[in-house]
N, C-alpha and C. Protein backbone atom coordinates (compact mmCIF):
# COMPACT_ATOMS: atom_id res chain seq x y z
N MET A 1 36.79 -45.64 19.51
CA MET A 1 37.80 -45.75 20.53
C MET A 1 38.54 -47.07 20.32
N THR A 2 39.84 -47.04 20.58
CA THR A 2 40.67 -48.22 20.40
C THR A 2 40.78 -48.97 21.69
N VAL A 3 40.65 -50.29 21.58
CA VAL A 3 40.83 -51.18 22.73
C VAL A 3 42.13 -51.97 22.50
N GLU A 4 43.04 -51.84 23.47
CA GLU A 4 44.30 -52.56 23.40
C GLU A 4 44.19 -53.86 24.24
N ILE A 5 44.60 -54.96 23.63
CA ILE A 5 44.62 -56.24 24.35
C ILE A 5 46.08 -56.59 24.57
N ARG A 6 46.48 -56.83 25.84
CA ARG A 6 47.85 -57.11 26.15
C ARG A 6 47.99 -57.70 27.55
N ARG A 7 49.23 -58.06 27.91
CA ARG A 7 49.47 -58.54 29.27
C ARG A 7 49.26 -57.39 30.26
N VAL A 8 48.81 -57.76 31.44
CA VAL A 8 48.64 -56.76 32.49
C VAL A 8 49.98 -56.07 32.81
N ALA A 9 49.92 -54.79 33.04
CA ALA A 9 51.13 -54.01 33.30
C ALA A 9 51.05 -53.36 34.69
N GLY A 10 51.67 -53.99 35.66
CA GLY A 10 51.77 -53.40 36.98
C GLY A 10 50.63 -53.72 37.94
N ARG A 11 50.88 -53.34 39.18
CA ARG A 11 49.96 -53.60 40.29
C ARG A 11 48.61 -52.92 40.10
N ALA A 12 48.61 -51.65 39.66
CA ALA A 12 47.32 -50.94 39.52
C ALA A 12 46.42 -51.60 38.48
N GLU A 13 47.03 -52.01 37.36
CA GLU A 13 46.23 -52.70 36.34
C GLU A 13 45.75 -54.03 36.86
N MET A 14 46.55 -54.74 37.61
CA MET A 14 46.11 -56.02 38.14
C MET A 14 44.95 -55.82 39.08
N GLU A 15 45.00 -54.83 39.91
CA GLU A 15 43.89 -54.51 40.81
C GLU A 15 42.66 -54.13 40.04
N ALA A 16 42.81 -53.41 38.94
CA ALA A 16 41.69 -53.03 38.09
C ALA A 16 41.06 -54.28 37.42
N ALA A 17 41.91 -55.21 37.01
CA ALA A 17 41.42 -56.45 36.40
C ALA A 17 40.65 -57.26 37.44
N LEU A 18 41.16 -57.35 38.67
CA LEU A 18 40.47 -58.06 39.72
C LEU A 18 39.11 -57.39 40.05
N ALA A 19 39.09 -56.06 39.95
CA ALA A 19 37.82 -55.35 40.21
C ALA A 19 36.81 -55.65 39.10
N VAL A 20 37.25 -55.78 37.83
CA VAL A 20 36.34 -56.16 36.76
C VAL A 20 35.78 -57.54 37.06
N ARG A 21 36.65 -58.46 37.40
CA ARG A 21 36.20 -59.81 37.73
C ARG A 21 35.20 -59.81 38.89
N ASP A 22 35.45 -59.01 39.90
CA ASP A 22 34.54 -58.94 41.05
C ASP A 22 33.16 -58.42 40.59
N ARG A 23 33.13 -57.39 39.79
CA ARG A 23 31.84 -56.82 39.32
C ARG A 23 31.07 -57.85 38.47
N VAL A 24 31.80 -58.54 37.59
CA VAL A 24 31.15 -59.49 36.67
C VAL A 24 30.72 -60.74 37.43
N PHE A 25 31.64 -61.38 38.11
CA PHE A 25 31.35 -62.66 38.72
C PHE A 25 30.59 -62.55 40.05
N CYS A 26 31.09 -61.74 40.94
CA CYS A 26 30.51 -61.67 42.28
C CYS A 26 29.25 -60.84 42.33
N VAL A 27 29.28 -59.62 41.77
CA VAL A 27 28.12 -58.74 41.81
C VAL A 27 27.03 -59.17 40.86
N GLU A 28 27.38 -59.30 39.54
CA GLU A 28 26.36 -59.65 38.54
C GLU A 28 25.86 -61.08 38.67
N GLN A 29 26.80 -62.05 38.86
CA GLN A 29 26.44 -63.44 38.80
C GLN A 29 26.28 -64.11 40.17
N GLY A 30 26.63 -63.43 41.23
CA GLY A 30 26.44 -63.99 42.55
C GLY A 30 27.46 -65.02 42.97
N VAL A 31 28.59 -65.08 42.29
CA VAL A 31 29.62 -66.05 42.67
C VAL A 31 30.27 -65.61 44.01
N PRO A 32 30.37 -66.50 44.99
CA PRO A 32 31.00 -66.10 46.23
C PRO A 32 32.49 -65.68 45.97
N LYS A 33 32.91 -64.61 46.67
CA LYS A 33 34.25 -64.11 46.53
C LYS A 33 35.32 -65.19 46.75
N ARG A 34 35.09 -66.04 47.72
CA ARG A 34 36.06 -67.08 48.05
C ARG A 34 36.25 -68.07 46.87
N GLU A 35 35.23 -68.21 46.05
CA GLU A 35 35.35 -69.10 44.86
C GLU A 35 35.98 -68.34 43.70
N GLU A 36 35.66 -67.08 43.55
CA GLU A 36 36.24 -66.31 42.45
C GLU A 36 37.75 -66.08 42.70
N GLN A 37 38.10 -65.77 43.91
CA GLN A 37 39.50 -65.57 44.27
C GLN A 37 40.05 -66.89 44.82
N ASP A 38 40.57 -67.71 43.92
CA ASP A 38 40.96 -69.06 44.27
C ASP A 38 42.45 -69.22 44.64
N GLY A 39 43.18 -68.12 44.78
CA GLY A 39 44.56 -68.18 45.18
C GLY A 39 45.55 -68.49 44.07
N ARG A 40 45.10 -68.55 42.83
CA ARG A 40 45.98 -68.94 41.74
C ARG A 40 46.43 -67.74 40.87
N ASP A 41 45.99 -66.56 41.22
CA ASP A 41 46.31 -65.38 40.40
C ASP A 41 47.80 -65.08 40.31
N ARG A 42 48.53 -65.31 41.37
CA ARG A 42 49.97 -65.01 41.37
C ARG A 42 50.76 -65.85 40.42
N GLU A 43 50.27 -67.05 40.14
CA GLU A 43 51.00 -67.98 39.28
C GLU A 43 50.52 -67.88 37.80
N ALA A 44 49.56 -67.03 37.54
CA ALA A 44 48.94 -66.93 36.21
C ALA A 44 49.47 -65.73 35.42
N LEU A 45 49.30 -65.86 34.10
CA LEU A 45 49.54 -64.71 33.18
C LEU A 45 48.16 -64.10 32.95
N HIS A 46 48.07 -62.79 33.17
CA HIS A 46 46.81 -62.09 33.00
C HIS A 46 46.85 -61.19 31.79
N LEU A 47 45.78 -61.24 30.99
CA LEU A 47 45.59 -60.37 29.86
C LEU A 47 44.49 -59.35 30.21
N VAL A 48 44.61 -58.18 29.64
CA VAL A 48 43.64 -57.16 29.86
C VAL A 48 43.23 -56.48 28.54
N ALA A 49 42.03 -55.97 28.53
CA ALA A 49 41.54 -55.11 27.44
C ALA A 49 41.47 -53.71 28.08
N VAL A 50 42.19 -52.77 27.45
CA VAL A 50 42.30 -51.43 28.01
C VAL A 50 41.80 -50.41 26.97
N GLU A 51 40.91 -49.56 27.43
CA GLU A 51 40.36 -48.50 26.59
C GLU A 51 40.52 -47.19 27.30
N GLU A 52 41.19 -46.24 26.68
CA GLU A 52 41.45 -44.94 27.26
C GLU A 52 42.04 -45.03 28.68
N GLY A 53 42.93 -46.00 28.86
CA GLY A 53 43.61 -46.17 30.14
C GLY A 53 42.81 -46.90 31.20
N VAL A 54 41.64 -47.41 30.85
CA VAL A 54 40.77 -48.09 31.81
C VAL A 54 40.66 -49.56 31.41
N VAL A 55 40.86 -50.47 32.38
CA VAL A 55 40.72 -51.88 32.15
C VAL A 55 39.22 -52.19 32.04
N ILE A 56 38.80 -52.77 30.89
CA ILE A 56 37.40 -53.05 30.68
C ILE A 56 37.15 -54.56 30.47
N GLY A 57 38.25 -55.34 30.45
CA GLY A 57 38.12 -56.78 30.29
C GLY A 57 39.39 -57.45 30.75
N THR A 58 39.26 -58.77 31.04
CA THR A 58 40.42 -59.51 31.51
C THR A 58 40.22 -60.99 31.36
N CYS A 59 41.29 -61.74 31.41
CA CYS A 59 41.26 -63.20 31.50
C CYS A 59 42.60 -63.61 32.08
N ARG A 60 42.68 -64.90 32.44
CA ARG A 60 43.96 -65.39 32.95
C ARG A 60 44.29 -66.73 32.36
N LEU A 61 45.61 -67.02 32.30
CA LEU A 61 46.12 -68.24 31.77
C LEU A 61 47.03 -68.88 32.76
N LEU A 62 46.79 -70.15 33.04
CA LEU A 62 47.65 -70.96 33.92
C LEU A 62 48.33 -72.02 33.04
N PHE A 63 49.64 -72.08 33.12
CA PHE A 63 50.40 -72.98 32.27
C PHE A 63 50.81 -74.21 33.07
N VAL A 64 50.46 -75.41 32.55
CA VAL A 64 50.82 -76.67 33.16
C VAL A 64 51.38 -77.53 32.04
N ASP A 65 52.69 -77.68 32.00
CA ASP A 65 53.35 -78.41 30.93
C ASP A 65 52.93 -77.80 29.58
N ARG A 66 52.32 -78.61 28.72
CA ARG A 66 51.94 -78.14 27.39
C ARG A 66 50.45 -77.81 27.30
N THR A 67 49.85 -77.64 28.45
CA THR A 67 48.41 -77.30 28.53
C THR A 67 48.24 -75.95 29.20
N VAL A 68 47.35 -75.15 28.67
CA VAL A 68 47.02 -73.85 29.29
C VAL A 68 45.58 -73.93 29.77
N GLN A 69 45.39 -73.55 31.01
CA GLN A 69 44.04 -73.43 31.56
C GLN A 69 43.62 -71.98 31.42
N PHE A 70 42.60 -71.75 30.61
CA PHE A 70 42.05 -70.42 30.38
C PHE A 70 40.92 -70.21 31.34
N SER A 71 40.86 -69.06 32.04
CA SER A 71 39.80 -68.82 33.00
C SER A 71 39.60 -67.36 33.27
N ARG A 72 38.55 -67.07 34.02
CA ARG A 72 38.25 -65.74 34.53
C ARG A 72 38.08 -64.66 33.42
N LEU A 73 37.47 -65.08 32.30
CA LEU A 73 37.18 -64.14 31.24
C LEU A 73 36.02 -63.26 31.70
N ALA A 74 36.29 -61.95 31.76
CA ALA A 74 35.28 -61.03 32.23
C ALA A 74 35.40 -59.73 31.45
N VAL A 75 34.26 -59.20 31.01
CA VAL A 75 34.21 -57.92 30.28
C VAL A 75 33.14 -57.07 30.96
N GLU A 76 33.47 -55.82 31.19
CA GLU A 76 32.50 -54.90 31.81
C GLU A 76 31.20 -54.91 31.03
N GLN A 77 30.07 -54.85 31.74
CA GLN A 77 28.78 -54.89 31.13
C GLN A 77 28.62 -53.85 30.01
N THR A 78 29.15 -52.65 30.23
CA THR A 78 29.00 -51.57 29.23
C THR A 78 29.88 -51.76 28.01
N ALA A 79 30.79 -52.73 28.07
CA ALA A 79 31.72 -52.94 26.94
C ALA A 79 31.43 -54.22 26.18
N ARG A 80 30.37 -54.90 26.50
CA ARG A 80 30.06 -56.16 25.86
C ARG A 80 29.49 -55.97 24.45
N ARG A 81 29.54 -57.06 23.69
CA ARG A 81 29.02 -57.10 22.33
C ARG A 81 29.87 -56.23 21.38
N ARG A 82 31.15 -56.08 21.69
CA ARG A 82 32.07 -55.32 20.87
C ARG A 82 33.26 -56.18 20.40
N GLY A 83 33.20 -57.47 20.65
CA GLY A 83 34.28 -58.38 20.20
C GLY A 83 35.45 -58.45 21.15
N ILE A 84 35.34 -57.88 22.33
CA ILE A 84 36.45 -57.83 23.25
C ILE A 84 36.78 -59.24 23.79
N ALA A 85 35.78 -60.02 24.12
CA ALA A 85 36.03 -61.36 24.59
C ALA A 85 36.73 -62.20 23.49
N SER A 86 36.31 -62.06 22.28
CA SER A 86 36.93 -62.79 21.16
C SER A 86 38.39 -62.38 21.02
N ARG A 87 38.64 -61.09 21.16
CA ARG A 87 40.05 -60.61 21.06
C ARG A 87 40.90 -61.12 22.20
N LEU A 88 40.33 -61.23 23.41
CA LEU A 88 41.06 -61.79 24.53
C LEU A 88 41.37 -63.28 24.24
N LEU A 89 40.42 -64.00 23.67
CA LEU A 89 40.66 -65.40 23.30
C LEU A 89 41.80 -65.50 22.28
N GLN A 90 41.83 -64.64 21.29
CA GLN A 90 42.89 -64.65 20.29
C GLN A 90 44.25 -64.37 20.95
N ALA A 91 44.29 -63.41 21.83
CA ALA A 91 45.53 -63.07 22.53
C ALA A 91 45.98 -64.27 23.39
N ALA A 92 45.02 -64.96 24.00
CA ALA A 92 45.35 -66.14 24.81
C ALA A 92 45.95 -67.23 23.95
N ASP A 93 45.40 -67.39 22.74
CA ASP A 93 45.98 -68.37 21.81
C ASP A 93 47.42 -68.04 21.49
N ALA A 94 47.67 -66.77 21.18
CA ALA A 94 49.03 -66.34 20.84
C ALA A 94 50.00 -66.57 21.99
N GLU A 95 49.58 -66.27 23.20
CA GLU A 95 50.41 -66.52 24.39
C GLU A 95 50.69 -67.99 24.58
N ALA A 96 49.64 -68.83 24.40
CA ALA A 96 49.79 -70.27 24.59
C ALA A 96 50.73 -70.88 23.53
N ILE A 97 50.53 -70.49 22.27
CA ILE A 97 51.38 -70.98 21.20
C ILE A 97 52.81 -70.52 21.45
N GLY A 98 52.99 -69.27 21.84
CA GLY A 98 54.32 -68.76 22.11
C GLY A 98 55.06 -69.49 23.21
N ALA A 99 54.26 -70.07 24.14
CA ALA A 99 54.86 -70.85 25.26
C ALA A 99 55.00 -72.32 24.92
N GLY A 100 54.63 -72.70 23.72
CA GLY A 100 54.78 -74.10 23.31
C GLY A 100 53.64 -75.01 23.75
N ALA A 101 52.52 -74.43 24.12
CA ALA A 101 51.37 -75.22 24.52
C ALA A 101 50.76 -75.97 23.35
N ARG A 102 50.16 -77.10 23.63
CA ARG A 102 49.51 -77.90 22.58
C ARG A 102 47.99 -77.80 22.66
N ARG A 103 47.50 -77.36 23.84
CA ARG A 103 46.02 -77.23 23.94
C ARG A 103 45.70 -76.24 25.03
N ILE A 104 44.46 -75.73 24.91
CA ILE A 104 43.91 -74.82 25.94
C ILE A 104 42.62 -75.49 26.44
N VAL A 105 42.42 -75.49 27.73
CA VAL A 105 41.22 -76.07 28.32
C VAL A 105 40.53 -74.99 29.15
N LEU A 106 39.22 -75.13 29.30
CA LEU A 106 38.46 -74.17 30.10
C LEU A 106 37.15 -74.76 30.56
N HIS A 107 36.53 -74.08 31.51
CA HIS A 107 35.19 -74.42 31.96
C HIS A 107 34.34 -73.21 31.53
N ALA A 108 33.52 -73.44 30.51
CA ALA A 108 32.68 -72.36 29.98
C ALA A 108 31.31 -72.34 30.67
N GLN A 109 30.87 -71.15 31.04
CA GLN A 109 29.50 -71.05 31.49
C GLN A 109 28.65 -71.40 30.26
N THR A 110 27.62 -72.21 30.44
CA THR A 110 26.90 -72.73 29.28
C THR A 110 26.29 -71.62 28.42
N TYR A 111 25.88 -70.53 29.01
CA TYR A 111 25.29 -69.45 28.22
C TYR A 111 26.31 -68.86 27.26
N ALA A 112 27.63 -69.00 27.52
CA ALA A 112 28.68 -68.44 26.72
C ALA A 112 29.36 -69.46 25.82
N ALA A 113 28.88 -70.69 25.81
CA ALA A 113 29.55 -71.75 25.06
C ALA A 113 29.69 -71.40 23.59
N ASP A 114 28.76 -70.73 22.98
CA ASP A 114 28.85 -70.39 21.58
C ASP A 114 30.05 -69.50 21.27
N LEU A 115 30.44 -68.64 22.18
CA LEU A 115 31.64 -67.81 21.99
C LEU A 115 32.84 -68.73 21.81
N TYR A 116 32.97 -69.73 22.65
CA TYR A 116 34.11 -70.64 22.58
C TYR A 116 34.02 -71.58 21.39
N LEU A 117 32.81 -72.04 21.06
CA LEU A 117 32.65 -72.88 19.86
C LEU A 117 33.10 -72.14 18.60
N ALA A 118 32.73 -70.87 18.51
CA ALA A 118 33.12 -70.05 17.36
C ALA A 118 34.63 -69.83 17.27
N ASP A 119 35.31 -69.99 18.39
CA ASP A 119 36.77 -69.83 18.44
C ASP A 119 37.51 -71.18 18.30
N GLY A 120 36.77 -72.24 18.06
CA GLY A 120 37.44 -73.52 17.78
C GLY A 120 37.48 -74.49 18.96
N TYR A 121 36.84 -74.13 20.07
CA TYR A 121 36.79 -75.06 21.23
C TYR A 121 35.76 -76.11 20.98
N GLU A 122 35.99 -77.28 21.58
CA GLU A 122 35.03 -78.41 21.54
C GLU A 122 34.64 -78.79 22.94
N PRO A 123 33.36 -79.10 23.13
CA PRO A 123 32.90 -79.52 24.46
C PRO A 123 33.49 -80.91 24.82
N ARG A 124 33.70 -81.07 26.10
CA ARG A 124 34.21 -82.36 26.63
C ARG A 124 33.37 -82.70 27.85
N GLY A 125 32.66 -83.80 27.76
CA GLY A 125 31.88 -84.25 28.93
C GLY A 125 30.49 -83.64 29.02
N HIS A 126 29.97 -83.66 30.22
CA HIS A 126 28.59 -83.23 30.46
C HIS A 126 28.60 -81.89 31.24
N VAL A 127 27.44 -81.25 31.20
CA VAL A 127 27.25 -80.01 31.91
C VAL A 127 27.35 -80.30 33.43
N PHE A 128 28.01 -79.38 34.14
CA PHE A 128 28.16 -79.51 35.59
C PHE A 128 27.97 -78.14 36.21
N VAL A 129 27.77 -78.10 37.50
CA VAL A 129 27.54 -76.85 38.22
C VAL A 129 28.76 -76.49 38.99
N GLU A 130 29.21 -75.25 38.81
CA GLU A 130 30.40 -74.71 39.49
C GLU A 130 30.03 -73.30 39.97
N ALA A 131 30.20 -73.03 41.23
CA ALA A 131 29.81 -71.75 41.80
C ALA A 131 28.36 -71.42 41.55
N GLY A 132 27.52 -72.46 41.52
CA GLY A 132 26.07 -72.27 41.32
C GLY A 132 25.68 -71.96 39.88
N ILE A 133 26.60 -72.09 38.91
CA ILE A 133 26.33 -71.77 37.50
C ILE A 133 26.68 -72.98 36.64
N GLU A 134 25.83 -73.27 35.66
CA GLU A 134 26.10 -74.39 34.79
C GLU A 134 27.30 -74.12 33.87
N HIS A 135 28.20 -75.09 33.78
CA HIS A 135 29.40 -75.01 32.97
C HIS A 135 29.56 -76.26 32.13
N ILE A 136 30.44 -76.17 31.13
CA ILE A 136 30.85 -77.33 30.36
C ILE A 136 32.33 -77.22 30.10
N ALA A 137 33.05 -78.33 30.27
CA ALA A 137 34.49 -78.34 29.96
C ALA A 137 34.65 -78.28 28.45
N MET A 138 35.61 -77.47 28.01
CA MET A 138 35.88 -77.34 26.59
C MET A 138 37.38 -77.35 26.38
N GLU A 139 37.78 -77.72 25.15
CA GLU A 139 39.21 -77.85 24.83
C GLU A 139 39.44 -77.38 23.40
N LYS A 140 40.61 -76.80 23.17
CA LYS A 140 41.04 -76.38 21.85
C LYS A 140 42.45 -76.89 21.64
N ARG A 141 42.65 -77.67 20.58
CA ARG A 141 43.97 -78.16 20.22
C ARG A 141 44.68 -77.07 19.44
N LEU A 142 45.95 -76.86 19.78
CA LEU A 142 46.73 -75.81 19.13
C LEU A 142 47.72 -76.37 18.09
N VAL A 143 48.04 -77.66 18.21
CA VAL A 143 49.03 -78.25 17.31
C VAL A 143 48.38 -79.37 16.52
């Protein structure tokens, strides 16, 4: 089956992306809804992974000058270990470069840090707790 990675298309897809995030972050990981839904979705660019018309993965990009904040990477449990997260990261790079960004920053859950390291991100600072989960700040230079 083919998985398409692209910008979210329309309200129904956006709702489907938010539902993926809810299942991954709130249900699986126990993140409180008020922390997962931080009010910044309207100002962000959202990418989705779509298979047979169903959103199975998502992430969002917030643009601040020449920096992109990458966040909310979520892939349905049944679709993991197929390279979808890596493809979303690649699409995020393309969007950031296309917008003239010089770097991408993120807060990685420590268990997933290897995914970001493999994509060229470098850790910045020390491990910290966010929404009850250990994270580390990471950065990738684009220029």
